[in-house]
Amino acid sequence: MLLAAGAGRRMGRPKALVDDWLVRSLRVLADGGCSGLTVVLGASADEARTLLAEAATGAGLPPYDVVVAPDWAEGMGASLRAGLTALPADVDAVLVHLVDLPDVGPEVVRRVVAAATGPAVLARASYDDGPGHPVLIGADHVAGVVAAATGDRGARTYLAGHAVALVPCGDLADGRDVDVPGRQ
């Protein structure tokens, strides 16, 4: 699942519309071994859909579904809730990735996905400065994450209260999100 709903106020435009981040992030998920891709949009959702449609026809983008978070302006928690509640019932686990992590590549995704399996899994990438994204959430935890996801904190509160396997990825990326122009 790719979260790409925010307005990107510090960036000056929605991050889903920055350079090729949206298309690149979907490819990172697919190349990292994820299937059943879902993109959560919000701010400028129509423009982002157009970007995706153009990429799908022109460059062979992997199949994906789009979920629009109606309350995206509340923060990442709203986007996460919208995406998680739209998942099919038979999903064993979902990998949550953010569109504003341009240095996170498929190798990071593969490593986090390989760390654990099954509906009880909770795992996340960790970098030199601590835990980050992507985060792997097993089906057993989805309801709890949805209930805890508020504001711009996403799953942070839920994860803090549970045992989460940290997957070292500092050798592959720095994992820092890009919030201002020029830092990529």
N, C-alpha and C. Protein backbone atom coordinates (compact mmCIF):
# COMPACT_ATOMS: atom_id res chain seq x y z
N MET A 1 0.85 -1.16 0.00
CA MET A 1 0.00 0.00 0.00
C MET A 1 0.90 1.23 0.00
N LEU A 2 0.61 2.14 -0.88
CA LEU A 2 1.38 3.37 -0.99
C LEU A 2 0.52 4.53 -0.51
N LEU A 3 0.99 5.23 0.53
CA LEU A 3 0.29 6.41 1.03
C LEU A 3 0.82 7.64 0.30
N ALA A 4 -0.10 8.32 -0.42
CA ALA A 4 0.28 9.48 -1.24
C ALA A 4 -0.83 10.51 -1.24
N ALA A 5 -1.44 10.75 -0.08
CA ALA A 5 -2.63 11.59 -0.01
C ALA A 5 -2.38 13.02 0.44
N GLY A 6 -1.25 13.30 1.05
CA GLY A 6 -1.03 14.59 1.69
C GLY A 6 -0.88 15.76 0.73
N ALA A 7 -1.09 16.95 1.28
CA ALA A 7 -1.01 18.19 0.49
C ALA A 7 0.42 18.64 0.26
N GLY A 8 1.37 18.15 1.06
CA GLY A 8 2.76 18.54 0.89
C GLY A 8 2.97 20.04 1.07
N ARG A 9 2.39 20.60 2.10
CA ARG A 9 2.45 22.05 2.30
C ARG A 9 3.89 22.57 2.32
N ARG A 10 4.78 21.90 3.04
CA ARG A 10 6.18 22.35 3.08
C ARG A 10 6.87 22.14 1.74
N MET A 11 6.40 21.17 0.97
CA MET A 11 6.97 20.90 -0.35
C MET A 11 6.46 21.89 -1.37
N GLY A 12 5.30 22.49 -1.10
CA GLY A 12 4.72 23.45 -2.03
C GLY A 12 3.73 22.85 -3.00
N ARG A 13 3.53 21.54 -2.92
CA ARG A 13 2.54 20.85 -3.75
C ARG A 13 2.39 19.42 -3.21
N PRO A 14 1.29 18.76 -3.57
CA PRO A 14 1.12 17.38 -3.10
C PRO A 14 2.30 16.52 -3.55
N LYS A 15 2.79 15.69 -2.64
CA LYS A 15 3.96 14.86 -2.95
C LYS A 15 3.65 13.83 -4.03
N ALA A 16 2.39 13.48 -4.21
CA ALA A 16 2.01 12.57 -5.29
C ALA A 16 2.30 13.19 -6.66
N LEU A 17 2.46 14.51 -6.70
CA LEU A 17 2.71 15.20 -7.97
C LEU A 17 4.16 15.63 -8.14
N VAL A 18 5.01 15.30 -7.18
CA VAL A 18 6.42 15.68 -7.25
C VAL A 18 7.16 14.72 -8.17
N ASP A 19 7.80 15.28 -9.17
CA ASP A 19 8.63 14.51 -10.09
C ASP A 19 7.95 13.19 -10.47
N ASP A 20 8.66 12.09 -10.34
CA ASP A 20 8.11 10.78 -10.68
C ASP A 20 7.86 9.93 -9.44
N TRP A 21 7.73 10.57 -8.28
CA TRP A 21 7.64 9.83 -7.02
C TRP A 21 6.52 8.81 -6.99
N LEU A 22 5.37 9.18 -7.48
CA LEU A 22 4.21 8.29 -7.41
C LEU A 22 4.45 7.02 -8.22
N VAL A 23 4.82 7.19 -9.46
CA VAL A 23 5.07 6.05 -10.34
C VAL A 23 6.27 5.24 -9.84
N ARG A 24 7.33 5.94 -9.45
CA ARG A 24 8.52 5.27 -8.94
C ARG A 24 8.20 4.43 -7.71
N SER A 25 7.41 4.98 -6.80
CA SER A 25 7.08 4.26 -5.56
C SER A 25 6.28 2.99 -5.84
N LEU A 26 5.36 3.05 -6.80
CA LEU A 26 4.61 1.84 -7.16
C LEU A 26 5.54 0.79 -7.74
N ARG A 27 6.47 1.22 -8.57
CA ARG A 27 7.44 0.27 -9.14
C ARG A 27 8.32 -0.32 -8.04
N VAL A 28 8.71 0.49 -7.07
CA VAL A 28 9.52 -0.01 -5.96
C VAL A 28 8.77 -1.13 -5.24
N LEU A 29 7.49 -0.93 -4.98
CA LEU A 29 6.70 -1.95 -4.30
C LEU A 29 6.61 -3.22 -5.15
N ALA A 30 6.30 -3.06 -6.43
CA ALA A 30 6.18 -4.22 -7.32
C ALA A 30 7.52 -4.94 -7.46
N ASP A 31 8.59 -4.18 -7.70
CA ASP A 31 9.91 -4.79 -7.87
C ASP A 31 10.42 -5.39 -6.56
N GLY A 32 9.90 -4.93 -5.45
CA GLY A 32 10.27 -5.48 -4.15
C GLY A 32 9.50 -6.72 -3.77
N GLY A 33 8.56 -7.13 -4.63
CA GLY A 33 7.84 -8.38 -4.40
C GLY A 33 6.41 -8.23 -3.92
N CYS A 34 5.89 -7.02 -3.88
CA CYS A 34 4.51 -6.82 -3.44
C CYS A 34 3.53 -7.02 -4.59
N SER A 35 2.38 -7.54 -4.27
CA SER A 35 1.30 -7.68 -5.25
C SER A 35 0.04 -7.10 -4.62
N GLY A 36 -1.00 -6.96 -5.42
CA GLY A 36 -2.22 -6.37 -4.90
C GLY A 36 -1.99 -4.94 -4.46
N LEU A 37 -1.34 -4.14 -5.31
CA LEU A 37 -0.95 -2.78 -4.95
C LEU A 37 -2.15 -1.85 -4.82
N THR A 38 -2.10 -1.02 -3.79
CA THR A 38 -3.13 -0.01 -3.54
C THR A 38 -2.44 1.32 -3.32
N VAL A 39 -2.94 2.35 -3.98
CA VAL A 39 -2.44 3.72 -3.80
C VAL A 39 -3.54 4.50 -3.10
N VAL A 40 -3.17 5.17 -2.00
CA VAL A 40 -4.13 6.00 -1.29
C VAL A 40 -3.84 7.45 -1.66
N LEU A 41 -4.84 8.09 -2.27
CA LEU A 41 -4.72 9.48 -2.72
C LEU A 41 -5.65 10.36 -1.91
N GLY A 42 -5.43 11.66 -1.99
CA GLY A 42 -6.26 12.64 -1.29
C GLY A 42 -6.15 13.97 -2.00
N ALA A 43 -5.19 14.80 -1.58
CA ALA A 43 -4.98 16.10 -2.22
C ALA A 43 -4.65 15.89 -3.70
N SER A 44 -5.30 16.65 -4.55
CA SER A 44 -5.08 16.57 -6.00
C SER A 44 -5.23 15.15 -6.53
N ALA A 45 -6.20 14.43 -6.01
CA ALA A 45 -6.40 13.02 -6.39
C ALA A 45 -6.63 12.87 -7.89
N ASP A 46 -7.38 13.77 -8.49
CA ASP A 46 -7.65 13.65 -9.93
C ASP A 46 -6.38 13.78 -10.75
N GLU A 47 -5.53 14.74 -10.39
CA GLU A 47 -4.26 14.90 -11.10
C GLU A 47 -3.36 13.68 -10.91
N ALA A 48 -3.34 13.16 -9.71
CA ALA A 48 -2.52 11.98 -9.44
C ALA A 48 -3.04 10.77 -10.21
N ARG A 49 -4.35 10.63 -10.30
CA ARG A 49 -4.93 9.54 -11.10
C ARG A 49 -4.51 9.66 -12.55
N THR A 50 -4.50 10.88 -13.06
CA THR A 50 -4.08 11.10 -14.45
C THR A 50 -2.63 10.70 -14.64
N LEU A 51 -1.76 11.08 -13.71
CA LEU A 51 -0.35 10.66 -13.79
C LEU A 51 -0.23 9.14 -13.82
N LEU A 52 -0.96 8.48 -12.96
CA LEU A 52 -0.92 7.02 -12.91
C LEU A 52 -1.44 6.40 -14.19
N ALA A 53 -2.54 6.92 -14.71
CA ALA A 53 -3.12 6.38 -15.94
C ALA A 53 -2.16 6.54 -17.11
N GLU A 54 -1.50 7.69 -17.20
CA GLU A 54 -0.53 7.91 -18.27
C GLU A 54 0.65 6.96 -18.14
N ALA A 55 1.12 6.74 -16.93
CA ALA A 55 2.24 5.84 -16.70
C ALA A 55 1.84 4.39 -16.98
N ALA A 56 0.61 4.04 -16.64
CA ALA A 56 0.16 2.67 -16.84
C ALA A 56 0.11 2.32 -18.32
N THR A 57 -0.30 3.26 -19.15
CA THR A 57 -0.39 2.98 -20.58
C THR A 57 0.95 3.15 -21.27
N GLY A 58 1.76 4.08 -20.80
CA GLY A 58 3.02 4.37 -21.49
C GLY A 58 4.20 3.55 -21.03
N ALA A 59 4.24 3.15 -19.79
CA ALA A 59 5.46 2.52 -19.28
C ALA A 59 5.21 1.20 -18.57
N GLY A 60 4.04 0.63 -18.76
CA GLY A 60 3.79 -0.68 -18.17
C GLY A 60 3.78 -0.71 -16.66
N LEU A 61 3.12 0.22 -16.04
CA LEU A 61 3.00 0.24 -14.59
C LEU A 61 2.29 -1.03 -14.13
N PRO A 62 2.71 -1.60 -12.99
CA PRO A 62 2.02 -2.81 -12.51
C PRO A 62 0.58 -2.50 -12.15
N PRO A 63 -0.30 -3.50 -12.13
CA PRO A 63 -1.70 -3.27 -11.77
C PRO A 63 -1.80 -2.70 -10.34
N TYR A 64 -2.76 -1.82 -10.14
CA TYR A 64 -2.95 -1.17 -8.85
C TYR A 64 -4.40 -0.75 -8.70
N ASP A 65 -4.81 -0.57 -7.45
CA ASP A 65 -6.11 0.00 -7.13
C ASP A 65 -5.88 1.36 -6.50
N VAL A 66 -6.87 2.23 -6.63
CA VAL A 66 -6.80 3.55 -6.02
C VAL A 66 -7.89 3.67 -4.97
N VAL A 67 -7.50 4.17 -3.81
CA VAL A 67 -8.45 4.50 -2.74
C VAL A 67 -8.27 5.99 -2.48
N VAL A 68 -9.35 6.72 -2.44
CA VAL A 68 -9.26 8.14 -2.11
C VAL A 68 -9.71 8.31 -0.66
N ALA A 69 -8.84 8.91 0.14
CA ALA A 69 -9.15 9.17 1.55
C ALA A 69 -9.92 10.49 1.61
N PRO A 70 -11.21 10.44 1.90
CA PRO A 70 -12.01 11.66 1.89
C PRO A 70 -11.57 12.67 2.96
N ASP A 71 -11.02 12.17 4.05
CA ASP A 71 -10.59 13.04 5.14
C ASP A 71 -9.07 13.16 5.21
N TRP A 72 -8.41 13.10 4.05
CA TRP A 72 -6.95 13.11 3.95
C TRP A 72 -6.33 14.29 4.67
N ALA A 73 -7.02 15.43 4.74
CA ALA A 73 -6.44 16.63 5.35
C ALA A 73 -6.19 16.45 6.85
N GLU A 74 -6.79 15.44 7.48
CA GLU A 74 -6.54 15.17 8.90
C GLU A 74 -5.11 14.69 9.14
N GLY A 75 -4.47 14.13 8.12
CA GLY A 75 -3.10 13.64 8.26
C GLY A 75 -2.95 12.20 7.83
N MET A 76 -1.75 11.68 8.05
CA MET A 76 -1.43 10.33 7.60
C MET A 76 -2.36 9.28 8.19
N GLY A 77 -2.84 9.50 9.40
CA GLY A 77 -3.75 8.55 10.03
C GLY A 77 -4.99 8.32 9.19
N ALA A 78 -5.54 9.37 8.62
CA ALA A 78 -6.74 9.25 7.79
C ALA A 78 -6.43 8.45 6.52
N SER A 79 -5.28 8.70 5.93
CA SER A 79 -4.89 7.97 4.72
C SER A 79 -4.69 6.50 5.03
N LEU A 80 -4.03 6.22 6.13
CA LEU A 80 -3.78 4.84 6.53
C LEU A 80 -5.10 4.12 6.80
N ARG A 81 -6.00 4.77 7.52
CA ARG A 81 -7.31 4.16 7.80
C ARG A 81 -8.05 3.85 6.50
N ALA A 82 -8.06 4.79 5.58
CA ALA A 82 -8.77 4.59 4.31
C ALA A 82 -8.20 3.41 3.54
N GLY A 83 -6.88 3.32 3.48
CA GLY A 83 -6.26 2.23 2.76
C GLY A 83 -6.49 0.88 3.42
N LEU A 84 -6.32 0.83 4.74
CA LEU A 84 -6.47 -0.44 5.44
C LEU A 84 -7.91 -0.94 5.41
N THR A 85 -8.88 -0.05 5.52
CA THR A 85 -10.27 -0.50 5.50
C THR A 85 -10.72 -0.93 4.11
N ALA A 86 -9.97 -0.55 3.08
CA ALA A 86 -10.31 -0.96 1.72
C ALA A 86 -9.66 -2.28 1.30
N LEU A 87 -8.81 -2.83 2.16
CA LEU A 87 -8.13 -4.08 1.82
C LEU A 87 -9.11 -5.24 1.70
N PRO A 88 -8.83 -6.18 0.80
CA PRO A 88 -9.66 -7.39 0.74
C PRO A 88 -9.54 -8.18 2.06
N ALA A 89 -10.58 -8.87 2.42
CA ALA A 89 -10.63 -9.60 3.69
C ALA A 89 -9.59 -10.71 3.78
N ASP A 90 -9.14 -11.23 2.65
CA ASP A 90 -8.22 -12.37 2.68
C ASP A 90 -6.74 -11.97 2.68
N VAL A 91 -6.44 -10.70 2.89
CA VAL A 91 -5.05 -10.25 2.92
C VAL A 91 -4.40 -10.73 4.21
N ASP A 92 -3.24 -11.36 4.07
CA ASP A 92 -2.49 -11.89 5.20
C ASP A 92 -1.70 -10.79 5.91
N ALA A 93 -1.14 -9.87 5.10
CA ALA A 93 -0.34 -8.75 5.62
C ALA A 93 -0.28 -7.67 4.56
N VAL A 94 0.01 -6.46 4.99
CA VAL A 94 0.13 -5.34 4.06
C VAL A 94 1.41 -4.58 4.38
N LEU A 95 2.13 -4.23 3.34
CA LEU A 95 3.33 -3.41 3.49
C LEU A 95 2.93 -1.97 3.20
N VAL A 96 3.16 -1.09 4.16
CA VAL A 96 2.80 0.32 4.02
C VAL A 96 4.07 1.11 3.71
N HIS A 97 4.01 1.83 2.59
CA HIS A 97 5.14 2.63 2.11
C HIS A 97 4.66 4.06 1.90
N LEU A 98 5.57 5.01 1.98
CA LEU A 98 5.24 6.42 1.80
C LEU A 98 5.82 6.94 0.49
N VAL A 99 5.08 7.80 -0.18
CA VAL A 99 5.52 8.32 -1.47
C VAL A 99 6.73 9.24 -1.36
N ASP A 100 6.97 9.82 -0.19
CA ASP A 100 8.04 10.80 -0.05
C ASP A 100 9.35 10.22 0.46
N LEU A 101 9.62 8.98 0.09
CA LEU A 101 10.88 8.31 0.46
C LEU A 101 11.62 7.93 -0.82
N PRO A 102 12.09 8.91 -1.58
CA PRO A 102 12.66 8.59 -2.90
C PRO A 102 13.93 7.75 -2.87
N ASP A 103 14.61 7.65 -1.74
CA ASP A 103 15.82 6.83 -1.74
C ASP A 103 15.56 5.38 -1.31
N VAL A 104 14.34 5.07 -0.92
CA VAL A 104 14.00 3.70 -0.54
C VAL A 104 13.67 2.93 -1.81
N GLY A 105 14.45 1.88 -2.06
CA GLY A 105 14.28 1.10 -3.28
C GLY A 105 13.70 -0.27 -3.03
N PRO A 106 13.60 -1.06 -4.08
CA PRO A 106 13.01 -2.40 -3.97
C PRO A 106 13.78 -3.32 -3.02
N GLU A 107 15.08 -3.07 -2.86
CA GLU A 107 15.86 -3.92 -1.96
C GLU A 107 15.36 -3.80 -0.52
N VAL A 108 15.00 -2.58 -0.11
CA VAL A 108 14.46 -2.36 1.23
C VAL A 108 13.13 -3.10 1.38
N VAL A 109 12.27 -2.96 0.39
CA VAL A 109 10.97 -3.63 0.42
C VAL A 109 11.16 -5.13 0.53
N ARG A 110 12.03 -5.69 -0.31
CA ARG A 110 12.29 -7.14 -0.26
C ARG A 110 12.76 -7.58 1.12
N ARG A 111 13.64 -6.80 1.70
CA ARG A 111 14.21 -7.16 3.00
C ARG A 111 13.13 -7.15 4.10
N VAL A 112 12.27 -6.14 4.08
CA VAL A 112 11.21 -6.06 5.10
C VAL A 112 10.20 -7.18 4.89
N VAL A 113 9.81 -7.42 3.65
CA VAL A 113 8.85 -8.48 3.36
C VAL A 113 9.41 -9.84 3.76
N ALA A 114 10.69 -10.05 3.56
CA ALA A 114 11.32 -11.34 3.88
C ALA A 114 11.52 -11.54 5.38
N ALA A 115 11.38 -10.49 6.16
CA ALA A 115 11.66 -10.57 7.60
C ALA A 115 10.69 -11.47 8.35
N ALA A 116 9.47 -11.51 7.92
CA ALA A 116 8.46 -12.29 8.64
C ALA A 116 7.24 -12.46 7.75
N THR A 117 6.42 -13.43 8.09
CA THR A 117 5.20 -13.67 7.32
C THR A 117 4.05 -13.96 8.27
N GLY A 118 2.88 -14.00 7.69
CA GLY A 118 1.70 -14.40 8.45
C GLY A 118 0.92 -13.24 9.03
N PRO A 119 -0.26 -13.52 9.49
CA PRO A 119 -1.16 -12.47 9.98
C PRO A 119 -0.72 -11.82 11.29
N ALA A 120 0.21 -12.41 12.01
CA ALA A 120 0.65 -11.82 13.28
C ALA A 120 1.87 -10.91 13.11
N VAL A 121 2.39 -10.78 11.92
CA VAL A 121 3.62 -10.03 11.68
C VAL A 121 3.47 -8.54 11.98
N LEU A 122 4.50 -7.99 12.56
CA LEU A 122 4.70 -6.53 12.68
C LEU A 122 6.20 -6.33 12.48
N ALA A 123 6.57 -5.70 11.37
CA ALA A 123 7.97 -5.47 11.07
C ALA A 123 8.11 -4.13 10.38
N ARG A 124 9.28 -3.53 10.55
CA ARG A 124 9.50 -2.26 9.88
C ARG A 124 10.97 -2.06 9.60
N ALA A 125 11.23 -1.30 8.57
CA ALA A 125 12.61 -0.96 8.24
C ALA A 125 13.18 -0.09 9.34
N SER A 126 14.47 -0.27 9.61
CA SER A 126 15.16 0.64 10.51
C SER A 126 16.41 1.14 9.80
N TYR A 127 16.74 2.37 10.10
CA TYR A 127 17.87 3.04 9.46
C TYR A 127 18.81 3.54 10.56
N ASP A 128 19.86 4.20 10.17
CA ASP A 128 20.84 4.66 11.14
C ASP A 128 20.23 5.54 12.23
N ASP A 129 19.17 6.29 11.88
CA ASP A 129 18.56 7.17 12.87
C ASP A 129 17.29 6.58 13.51
N GLY A 130 17.05 5.28 13.31
CA GLY A 130 15.94 4.63 13.98
C GLY A 130 14.92 4.03 13.04
N PRO A 131 13.75 3.62 13.60
CA PRO A 131 12.73 2.96 12.80
C PRO A 131 12.12 3.90 11.76
N GLY A 132 11.68 3.30 10.66
CA GLY A 132 11.07 4.09 9.59
C GLY A 132 10.11 3.25 8.77
N HIS A 133 10.03 3.58 7.49
CA HIS A 133 9.14 2.89 6.55
C HIS A 133 9.98 2.21 5.49
N PRO A 134 9.45 1.18 4.89
CA PRO A 134 8.09 0.66 5.00
C PRO A 134 7.85 -0.15 6.28
N VAL A 135 6.55 -0.34 6.55
CA VAL A 135 6.10 -1.09 7.71
C VAL A 135 5.22 -2.23 7.22
N LEU A 136 5.48 -3.43 7.73
CA LEU A 136 4.70 -4.61 7.38
C LEU A 136 3.73 -4.90 8.52
N ILE A 137 2.44 -4.88 8.20
CA ILE A 137 1.38 -5.05 9.20
C ILE A 137 0.58 -6.30 8.87
N GLY A 138 0.61 -7.27 9.76
CA GLY A 138 -0.18 -8.48 9.59
C GLY A 138 -1.66 -8.23 9.82
N ALA A 139 -2.48 -9.07 9.23
CA ALA A 139 -3.94 -8.92 9.31
C ALA A 139 -4.45 -8.88 10.75
N ASP A 140 -3.76 -9.59 11.67
CA ASP A 140 -4.19 -9.58 13.07
C ASP A 140 -4.11 -8.20 13.69
N HIS A 141 -3.34 -7.31 13.12
CA HIS A 141 -3.12 -5.98 13.67
C HIS A 141 -3.89 -4.87 12.96
N VAL A 142 -4.51 -5.17 11.84
CA VAL A 142 -5.13 -4.13 11.02
C VAL A 142 -6.20 -3.36 11.80
N ALA A 143 -7.10 -4.04 12.47
CA ALA A 143 -8.17 -3.35 13.22
C ALA A 143 -7.59 -2.44 14.29
N GLY A 144 -6.57 -2.90 14.99
CA GLY A 144 -5.92 -2.09 16.01
C GLY A 144 -5.24 -0.87 15.44
N VAL A 145 -4.58 -1.03 14.29
CA VAL A 145 -3.93 0.11 13.64
C VAL A 145 -4.98 1.11 13.17
N VAL A 146 -6.06 0.63 12.58
CA VAL A 146 -7.13 1.53 12.13
C VAL A 146 -7.68 2.33 13.31
N ALA A 147 -7.90 1.68 14.43
CA ALA A 147 -8.44 2.37 15.61
C ALA A 147 -7.46 3.39 16.17
N ALA A 148 -6.18 3.12 16.06
CA ALA A 148 -5.17 4.01 16.65
C ALA A 148 -4.68 5.11 15.70
N ALA A 149 -4.95 4.97 14.41
CA ALA A 149 -4.41 5.90 13.42
C ALA A 149 -5.17 7.23 13.45
N THR A 150 -4.54 8.24 14.02
CA THR A 150 -5.14 9.56 14.09
C THR A 150 -4.11 10.61 13.69
N GLY A 151 -4.58 11.73 13.27
CA GLY A 151 -3.69 12.84 12.94
C GLY A 151 -2.60 12.43 11.98
N ASP A 152 -1.41 12.96 12.22
CA ASP A 152 -0.29 12.69 11.34
C ASP A 152 0.62 11.60 11.91
N ARG A 153 0.11 10.83 12.84
CA ARG A 153 0.93 9.80 13.50
C ARG A 153 0.81 8.43 12.84
N GLY A 154 -0.16 8.23 12.00
CA GLY A 154 -0.30 6.93 11.35
C GLY A 154 -0.39 5.80 12.36
N ALA A 155 0.47 4.80 12.19
CA ALA A 155 0.45 3.62 13.07
C ALA A 155 1.42 3.75 14.24
N ARG A 156 2.07 4.88 14.39
CA ARG A 156 3.12 5.04 15.41
C ARG A 156 2.68 4.63 16.81
N THR A 157 1.53 5.09 17.26
CA THR A 157 1.05 4.78 18.60
C THR A 157 0.82 3.28 18.76
N TYR A 158 0.20 2.67 17.78
CA TYR A 158 -0.06 1.22 17.85
C TYR A 158 1.26 0.46 17.88
N LEU A 159 2.16 0.81 17.00
CA LEU A 159 3.44 0.10 16.94
C LEU A 159 4.24 0.24 18.23
N ALA A 160 4.14 1.39 18.87
CA ALA A 160 4.89 1.62 20.12
C ALA A 160 4.44 0.67 21.23
N GLY A 161 3.21 0.19 21.16
CA GLY A 161 2.69 -0.69 22.20
C GLY A 161 2.79 -2.16 21.87
N HIS A 162 3.47 -2.51 20.80
CA HIS A 162 3.56 -3.91 20.37
C HIS A 162 5.00 -4.26 19.99
N ALA A 163 5.30 -5.53 20.02
CA ALA A 163 6.62 -6.00 19.60
C ALA A 163 6.71 -5.93 18.09
N VAL A 164 7.65 -5.13 17.61
CA VAL A 164 7.85 -4.93 16.18
C VAL A 164 9.26 -5.37 15.83
N ALA A 165 9.37 -6.24 14.84
CA ALA A 165 10.69 -6.66 14.37
C ALA A 165 11.30 -5.53 13.56
N LEU A 166 12.47 -5.06 13.98
CA LEU A 166 13.17 -4.03 13.22
C LEU A 166 14.09 -4.70 12.21
N VAL A 167 13.99 -4.27 10.97
CA VAL A 167 14.75 -4.85 9.88
C VAL A 167 15.81 -3.84 9.45
N PRO A 168 17.07 -4.08 9.76
CA PRO A 168 18.13 -3.12 9.42
C PRO A 168 18.22 -2.88 7.91
N CYS A 169 18.10 -1.63 7.52
CA CYS A 169 18.16 -1.26 6.10
C CYS A 169 19.06 -0.06 5.86
N GLY A 170 19.81 0.37 6.89
CA GLY A 170 20.68 1.53 6.77
C GLY A 170 21.75 1.39 5.72
N ASP A 171 22.08 0.16 5.34
CA ASP A 171 23.06 -0.05 4.28
C ASP A 171 22.47 0.15 2.89
N LEU A 172 21.14 0.27 2.81
CA LEU A 172 20.46 0.40 1.53
C LEU A 172 19.90 1.79 1.27
N ALA A 173 19.57 2.52 2.32
CA ALA A 173 18.93 3.84 2.17
C ALA A 173 19.04 4.58 3.50
N ASP A 174 18.72 5.89 3.46
CA ASP A 174 18.67 6.62 4.73
C ASP A 174 17.26 6.65 5.30
N GLY A 175 16.24 6.39 4.46
CA GLY A 175 14.87 6.27 4.92
C GLY A 175 14.21 7.55 5.39
N ARG A 176 14.86 8.70 5.15
CA ARG A 176 14.26 9.96 5.59
C ARG A 176 13.28 10.49 4.55
N ASP A 177 12.13 10.96 5.04
CA ASP A 177 11.16 11.53 4.11
C ASP A 177 11.64 12.92 3.65
N VAL A 178 11.17 13.27 2.47
CA VAL A 178 11.54 14.55 1.88
C VAL A 178 10.35 15.49 2.05
N ASP A 179 10.55 16.54 2.82
CA ASP A 179 9.46 17.47 3.11
C ASP A 179 9.62 18.83 2.45
N VAL A 180 10.81 19.13 1.95
CA VAL A 180 11.04 20.44 1.32
C VAL A 180 11.71 20.24 -0.03
N PRO A 181 11.46 21.15 -0.96
CA PRO A 181 12.08 21.04 -2.28
C PRO A 181 13.60 21.04 -2.19
N GLY A 182 14.23 20.33 -3.11
CA GLY A 182 15.67 20.33 -3.19
C GLY A 182 16.38 19.25 -2.40
N ARG A 183 15.68 18.59 -1.49
CA ARG A 183 16.31 17.52 -0.71
C ARG A 183 15.85 16.18 -1.27
N GLN A 184 16.63 15.61 -2.13
CA GLN A 184 16.29 14.32 -2.72
C GLN A 184 17.54 13.53 -2.79
